[in-house]
Amino acid sequence: AAILVTLFLMLALRGIKIAKNAPDMFGRLMATGITVWIIMQAFINIGANIALIPLTGIPLPFISYGGTSLVFLLSSIGILLNISKQSNLEN
């Protein structure tokens, strides 16, 4: 469980780094929004599993099987990678 939380923390830090290095304001806002969305989804699911907050129907990102959720998560990671690539091309 600690490894999973560490991986989500690493994803959050990497998403923030991508947002800071984005070439324009739209890229910054998009990267920040995607990162916050994924991390909040993970926080809500983990919090519900350890009885900190009430149970909801939110799947754990990249782990739980939710067809539509998985499609949107993978496409949003693709968008993050594209923002990162664009910032690397401009530097």
N, C-alpha and C. Protein backbone atom coordinates (compact mmCIF):
# COMPACT_ATOMS: atom_id res chain seq x y z
N ALA A 1 0.83 -1.20 0.00
CA ALA A 1 0.00 0.00 0.00
C ALA A 1 0.87 1.25 0.00
N ALA A 2 1.99 1.20 0.71
CA ALA A 2 2.87 2.36 0.76
C ALA A 2 3.49 2.63 -0.61
N ILE A 3 3.76 1.57 -1.36
CA ILE A 3 4.32 1.74 -2.70
C ILE A 3 3.31 2.44 -3.60
N LEU A 4 2.05 2.07 -3.49
CA LEU A 4 1.00 2.69 -4.31
C LEU A 4 0.84 4.17 -3.99
N VAL A 5 0.85 4.51 -2.71
CA VAL A 5 0.75 5.91 -2.31
C VAL A 5 1.98 6.68 -2.80
N THR A 6 3.16 6.07 -2.73
CA THR A 6 4.38 6.70 -3.22
C THR A 6 4.31 6.94 -4.73
N LEU A 7 3.76 5.99 -5.47
CA LEU A 7 3.63 6.17 -6.91
C LEU A 7 2.68 7.31 -7.25
N PHE A 8 1.57 7.42 -6.52
CA PHE A 8 0.66 8.54 -6.76
C PHE A 8 1.31 9.86 -6.39
N LEU A 9 2.13 9.87 -5.34
CA LEU A 9 2.85 11.09 -4.97
C LEU A 9 3.85 11.47 -6.06
N MET A 10 4.54 10.49 -6.62
CA MET A 10 5.48 10.76 -7.70
C MET A 10 4.76 11.29 -8.93
N LEU A 11 3.58 10.73 -9.22
CA LEU A 11 2.77 11.22 -10.34
C LEU A 11 2.36 12.67 -10.11
N ALA A 12 1.98 13.00 -8.88
CA ALA A 12 1.59 14.38 -8.56
C ALA A 12 2.77 15.33 -8.74
N LEU A 13 3.93 14.95 -8.25
CA LEU A 13 5.10 15.81 -8.37
C LEU A 13 5.51 16.00 -9.84
N ARG A 14 5.43 14.93 -10.60
CA ARG A 14 5.77 15.02 -12.02
C ARG A 14 4.76 15.89 -12.76
N GLY A 15 3.48 15.75 -12.43
CA GLY A 15 2.45 16.58 -13.06
C GLY A 15 2.63 18.05 -12.75
N ILE A 16 3.01 18.37 -11.52
CA ILE A 16 3.27 19.76 -11.14
C ILE A 16 4.49 20.29 -11.90
N LYS A 17 5.50 19.45 -12.06
CA LYS A 17 6.70 19.87 -12.80
C LYS A 17 6.36 20.14 -14.27
N ILE A 18 5.51 19.29 -14.85
CA ILE A 18 5.08 19.50 -16.23
C ILE A 18 4.31 20.81 -16.34
N ALA A 19 3.44 21.07 -15.37
CA ALA A 19 2.65 22.31 -15.39
C ALA A 19 3.55 23.54 -15.27
N LYS A 20 4.56 23.47 -14.43
CA LYS A 20 5.46 24.62 -14.26
C LYS A 20 6.28 24.90 -15.52
N ASN A 21 6.61 23.84 -16.26
CA ASN A 21 7.44 24.00 -17.46
C ASN A 21 6.64 24.11 -18.74
N ALA A 22 5.32 24.16 -18.65
CA ALA A 22 4.48 24.23 -19.85
C ALA A 22 4.76 25.52 -20.61
N PRO A 23 4.69 25.46 -21.95
CA PRO A 23 5.07 26.63 -22.74
C PRO A 23 4.06 27.78 -22.71
N ASP A 24 2.81 27.52 -22.38
CA ASP A 24 1.81 28.59 -22.36
C ASP A 24 0.85 28.39 -21.19
N MET A 25 -0.01 29.38 -20.99
CA MET A 25 -0.94 29.34 -19.86
C MET A 25 -1.95 28.20 -19.99
N PHE A 26 -2.42 27.93 -21.20
CA PHE A 26 -3.37 26.84 -21.39
C PHE A 26 -2.75 25.51 -20.99
N GLY A 27 -1.50 25.28 -21.38
CA GLY A 27 -0.81 24.05 -21.00
C GLY A 27 -0.64 23.93 -19.49
N ARG A 28 -0.33 25.05 -18.84
CA ARG A 28 -0.20 25.04 -17.38
C ARG A 28 -1.51 24.67 -16.70
N LEU A 29 -2.58 25.31 -17.15
CA LEU A 29 -3.89 25.04 -16.55
C LEU A 29 -4.35 23.61 -16.83
N MET A 30 -4.12 23.14 -18.05
CA MET A 30 -4.53 21.78 -18.41
C MET A 30 -3.75 20.75 -17.60
N ALA A 31 -2.44 20.92 -17.49
CA ALA A 31 -1.62 19.98 -16.73
C ALA A 31 -1.98 20.00 -15.25
N THR A 32 -2.24 21.19 -14.71
CA THR A 32 -2.63 21.29 -13.30
C THR A 32 -3.98 20.61 -13.07
N GLY A 33 -4.93 20.86 -13.95
CA GLY A 33 -6.25 20.26 -13.80
C GLY A 33 -6.22 18.74 -13.89
N ILE A 34 -5.48 18.21 -14.83
CA ILE A 34 -5.37 16.75 -14.98
C ILE A 34 -4.71 16.15 -13.75
N THR A 35 -3.65 16.76 -13.28
CA THR A 35 -2.94 16.24 -12.11
C THR A 35 -3.82 16.26 -10.87
N VAL A 36 -4.50 17.37 -10.64
CA VAL A 36 -5.38 17.48 -9.47
C VAL A 36 -6.52 16.47 -9.57
N TRP A 37 -7.07 16.29 -10.76
CA TRP A 37 -8.18 15.34 -10.95
C TRP A 37 -7.75 13.91 -10.59
N ILE A 38 -6.60 13.49 -11.10
CA ILE A 38 -6.14 12.12 -10.83
C ILE A 38 -5.80 11.93 -9.35
N ILE A 39 -5.11 12.90 -8.76
CA ILE A 39 -4.70 12.77 -7.36
C ILE A 39 -5.91 12.83 -6.43
N MET A 40 -6.88 13.68 -6.72
CA MET A 40 -8.09 13.74 -5.89
C MET A 40 -8.88 12.44 -5.99
N GLN A 41 -8.94 11.87 -7.18
CA GLN A 41 -9.63 10.60 -7.35
C GLN A 41 -8.94 9.51 -6.53
N ALA A 42 -7.62 9.49 -6.53
CA ALA A 42 -6.88 8.51 -5.74
C ALA A 42 -7.07 8.76 -4.25
N PHE A 43 -7.02 10.03 -3.83
CA PHE A 43 -7.19 10.38 -2.41
C PHE A 43 -8.58 9.96 -1.91
N ILE A 44 -9.60 10.21 -2.70
CA ILE A 44 -10.96 9.84 -2.29
C ILE A 44 -11.09 8.33 -2.17
N ASN A 45 -10.55 7.60 -3.14
CA ASN A 45 -10.65 6.14 -3.09
C ASN A 45 -9.86 5.56 -1.93
N ILE A 46 -8.65 6.02 -1.72
CA ILE A 46 -7.83 5.50 -0.61
C ILE A 46 -8.45 5.88 0.72
N GLY A 47 -8.94 7.11 0.83
CA GLY A 47 -9.60 7.54 2.06
C GLY A 47 -10.84 6.73 2.37
N ALA A 48 -11.59 6.35 1.35
CA ALA A 48 -12.78 5.52 1.56
C ALA A 48 -12.39 4.11 1.99
N ASN A 49 -11.30 3.60 1.45
CA ASN A 49 -10.88 2.24 1.80
C ASN A 49 -10.35 2.13 3.22
N ILE A 50 -9.81 3.20 3.77
CA ILE A 50 -9.33 3.14 5.15
C ILE A 50 -10.31 3.82 6.11
N ALA A 51 -11.53 4.04 5.64
CA ALA A 51 -12.66 4.53 6.45
C ALA A 51 -12.47 5.95 6.98
N LEU A 52 -11.76 6.79 6.24
CA LEU A 52 -11.64 8.20 6.62
C LEU A 52 -12.82 9.02 6.10
N ILE A 53 -13.32 8.64 4.93
CA ILE A 53 -14.46 9.32 4.33
C ILE A 53 -15.48 8.27 3.88
N PRO A 54 -16.73 8.67 3.63
CA PRO A 54 -17.73 7.69 3.20
C PRO A 54 -17.39 7.08 1.84
N LEU A 55 -17.86 5.87 1.64
CA LEU A 55 -17.61 5.17 0.39
C LEU A 55 -18.29 5.88 -0.77
N THR A 56 -17.60 5.94 -1.89
CA THR A 56 -18.15 6.48 -3.13
C THR A 56 -17.89 5.47 -4.23
N GLY A 57 -18.38 5.75 -5.41
CA GLY A 57 -18.19 4.82 -6.52
C GLY A 57 -17.00 5.16 -7.39
N ILE A 58 -16.04 5.92 -6.87
CA ILE A 58 -14.89 6.34 -7.66
C ILE A 58 -13.85 5.22 -7.69
N PRO A 59 -13.44 4.78 -8.90
CA PRO A 59 -12.40 3.74 -8.97
C PRO A 59 -11.02 4.32 -8.69
N LEU A 60 -10.12 3.48 -8.22
CA LEU A 60 -8.74 3.89 -7.98
C LEU A 60 -8.04 4.02 -9.34
N PRO A 61 -7.46 5.19 -9.63
CA PRO A 61 -6.86 5.41 -10.96
C PRO A 61 -5.80 4.36 -11.31
N PHE A 62 -5.92 3.82 -12.51
CA PHE A 62 -5.01 2.85 -13.11
C PHE A 62 -5.03 1.48 -12.43
N ILE A 63 -5.80 1.29 -11.37
CA ILE A 63 -5.83 0.01 -10.67
C ILE A 63 -7.21 -0.63 -10.81
N SER A 64 -8.25 0.07 -10.38
CA SER A 64 -9.61 -0.47 -10.45
C SER A 64 -10.09 -0.48 -11.90
N TYR A 65 -10.94 -1.45 -12.20
CA TYR A 65 -11.46 -1.54 -13.55
C TYR A 65 -12.75 -0.76 -13.65
N GLY A 66 -12.67 0.35 -14.33
CA GLY A 66 -13.83 1.13 -14.71
C GLY A 66 -13.58 1.51 -16.15
N GLY A 67 -14.31 0.95 -17.09
CA GLY A 67 -14.00 1.10 -18.51
C GLY A 67 -13.84 2.54 -18.95
N THR A 68 -14.86 3.36 -18.71
CA THR A 68 -14.81 4.76 -19.12
C THR A 68 -13.74 5.52 -18.35
N SER A 69 -13.63 5.24 -17.07
CA SER A 69 -12.63 5.92 -16.25
C SER A 69 -11.22 5.63 -16.76
N LEU A 70 -10.96 4.38 -17.10
CA LEU A 70 -9.64 4.01 -17.58
C LEU A 70 -9.32 4.69 -18.91
N VAL A 71 -10.30 4.78 -19.80
CA VAL A 71 -10.09 5.45 -21.09
C VAL A 71 -9.73 6.91 -20.87
N PHE A 72 -10.48 7.59 -20.00
CA PHE A 72 -10.21 9.01 -19.76
C PHE A 72 -8.88 9.21 -19.03
N LEU A 73 -8.53 8.33 -18.12
CA LEU A 73 -7.25 8.45 -17.42
C LEU A 73 -6.08 8.29 -18.39
N LEU A 74 -6.16 7.29 -19.24
CA LEU A 74 -5.06 7.06 -20.18
C LEU A 74 -4.95 8.19 -21.20
N SER A 75 -6.09 8.73 -21.65
CA SER A 75 -6.02 9.85 -22.58
C SER A 75 -5.50 11.11 -21.89
N SER A 76 -5.83 11.30 -20.63
CA SER A 76 -5.31 12.47 -19.92
C SER A 76 -3.81 12.35 -19.67
N ILE A 77 -3.32 11.16 -19.43
CA ILE A 77 -1.87 10.97 -19.30
C ILE A 77 -1.19 11.24 -20.65
N GLY A 78 -1.84 10.87 -21.74
CA GLY A 78 -1.32 11.21 -23.06
C GLY A 78 -1.23 12.71 -23.27
N ILE A 79 -2.24 13.45 -22.80
CA ILE A 79 -2.21 14.91 -22.89
C ILE A 79 -1.06 15.47 -22.06
N LEU A 80 -0.87 14.93 -20.84
CA LEU A 80 0.25 15.38 -20.01
C LEU A 80 1.59 15.13 -20.70
N LEU A 81 1.72 13.97 -21.33
CA LEU A 81 2.97 13.67 -22.04
C LEU A 81 3.19 14.62 -23.21
N ASN A 82 2.11 14.99 -23.90
CA ASN A 82 2.24 15.93 -25.01
C ASN A 82 2.63 17.32 -24.52
N ILE A 83 2.08 17.75 -23.40
CA ILE A 83 2.46 19.05 -22.83
C ILE A 83 3.94 19.02 -22.44
N SER A 84 4.38 17.90 -21.87
CA SER A 84 5.79 17.76 -21.49
C SER A 84 6.69 17.79 -22.73
N LYS A 85 6.25 17.12 -23.78
CA LYS A 85 7.03 17.09 -25.02
C LYS A 85 7.13 18.48 -25.63
N GLN A 86 6.03 19.24 -25.64
CA GLN A 86 6.05 20.59 -26.20
C GLN A 86 6.98 21.51 -25.42
N SER A 87 7.00 21.35 -24.10
CA SER A 87 7.89 22.20 -23.30
C SER A 87 9.35 21.82 -23.54
N ASN A 88 9.62 20.54 -23.80
CA ASN A 88 10.99 20.12 -24.10
C ASN A 88 11.44 20.62 -25.46
N LEU A 89 10.50 20.69 -26.43
CA LEU A 89 10.86 21.17 -27.76
C LEU A 89 11.19 22.66 -27.76
N GLU A 90 10.51 23.43 -26.90
CA GLU A 90 10.76 24.86 -26.87
C GLU A 90 12.02 25.21 -26.09
N ASN A 91 12.48 24.31 -25.23
CA ASN A 91 13.71 24.57 -24.46
C ASN A 91 14.87 24.07 -25.21
